[in-house]
Amino acid sequence: MKILFVDTPPTLDWTPESHFTKGGRRFPALSVTGEITYSYLNLQAAAILREAGHEVAYIDCQAEGVSYDELVPKVVAHAADLLVLYVEQIKIHVDKALAAAVKEKTDTRVAFVGPFVTPLGTQVVRDTPCVDVALRGEYDESLRELVDAMATGGDWRAIEGSSVRHEDGRVEEVGGYRHVADLDALPFPAYDLIDFSKYHESVFRRKPAATMITSRGCPYQCIYCWFPQTIYGHKWRYQSAERVVAEMEHLHREFGVREIRVDDDIFELNRERVMQVCRLLQEKNLDLTWSPQCRPDRMDLDLLKEMKKAGCSRILYGCESANQDILDKMKKNIKVEAIENATRWTKEAGIDVHNCFILGFPWDTQDTVERTIEYAYNLNAEFCQFGIATPLPGTRLLAEVEKEGALVSGEDWSQHDGFSKAAVSYEKNGNGGLTQDQIEDYATRAYREYYLRPQYIGLMVKRAFRSRDDFAQTWRLGKAFLRRKALGWI
């Protein structure tokens, strides 16, 4: 069978000169800095289908500069047996429009996949007549089973973890969420389907750069975090150190990749696995740098020193808030002091720090948000994000917001951006809660002031002269900041 994966543009009138979405991420969001990321899970699924003997293709509209009007005839001409769309909340209207246009002109079946349709799959299929099936949870194995059944005349409407439309229009939910048990058994993603030179994030120092996922699931219970509450679940599964390094080496030798972002929820959950990855990378002596996402309270200086020797250049920490009571209410299960320790130790080890904070939780007030912003300034990390607490489908944060009657976005999921838009307003909660405008203003102000502080500028000027790569990245970061400011995003 012919399977076509498509990452649609963010809007129906999108052009490459406008904005972008950070696709395939746990918090998809609009970006005006030209940041484009590929969907790792789509490439993983494509490799599995190819291994099973099916023909696969991939269109990434943002990377290839394909507008919606150009996309429809391309998809129709491809004449695929199945169109697979990784649905994200900020552009679901585009996915639905494409599905309808393709159905009108072809007999192609349409499958929706991803974290958005994991909790809402049955509802989405019921509300979208042009969609044949939604696969809930991880779709690596269920998509292969679906395609195999379609190819052989089997009952493709009986695949566990699916929401399917029957010929009479009836929609049925089959089984629960699907999760892959053995990640080592998965083939390398079909990286040959993309051109790495077309993908970029401002945090990358070197090019070409790639994204990997070496584990799935997270045992922690943070109420805002989307993937563990939907597509991945809370059971942590991981690739062996040998499998991780083998994929890194594959990316480096076959595609010339020089930097890798490891997009795990928590990379260092198993300390010995990280140490083994470091030992293997040092033995390979690859010209490769990498940057994982970690929890501050699971980090220690000895581990950081080993990571540095193995090429780790940056670590992203989920810090979220400087207020212990807010951290407790969001079920972060971390102490504020751990954030300070991890930041200090990481800098001491010679690794860049990327701290992430979230503003606008139901319990936030002007005082707590201002304390968090000031705290972030004092830590003075090389990179800092200020996201907006965004109630995404399937999360306990959404349930909390709905209980308070604070959701102001209605049925428009495109407003659940997480970086530039607040979908909530808490002024009626009686606890000094923030309004929608206040939350958005705080996020904008925090970004602007953080990157214009003399303390930060001095840090980055010094950093720029560490190496040619650092100088080039600092130059790109400066241009990205000025672009955001010129467009009124900060």
Foldseek 3Di string as FASTA:
>chain_A
DEEEEEEAFLDQPDFLQAWGWAPLAQFIFIANLLAYADNQLVLLLCQLLVVVPYHYAYYYCNLVGAHLVRVLVVVLVVQGQEYEYADDQQRNVSVLVSLVSNVVRHVHAYEYEYLQCQQPVQVVCLVRVSHFKYAWARCNVQVNVLVVCVVVVHDSVAGARMWGADPVRDIDHHHHHDADAAPLPGDRGNVVNDQQVSHDDLPDLDPSEHEAEFKFAALFAQQQRRRCLTHGHHDIHGHALVSVVVNVVCCCVVRVHAEYEHNYQAPCPPVVRLLSNLVVLLVVVGNHAYEYEHELQSDDLVSLLSNVSSHYAEYEYEQAFLDPVVCVVSRVPDHSVSVLRSLVSNVVSNHFYEYEYEDAQLQDAPVRLVVRLVVVLVSLTLHYAYWYRFRRPSGVSVVVQVVQVFFQQPPNSSQRRGQQFHRGANCPVPNNGHGRVVRNVSRQVSVVCSCPDPVNVVVLVVQLPPDVSSVVSSVSVVVSVVSCVVVPSD
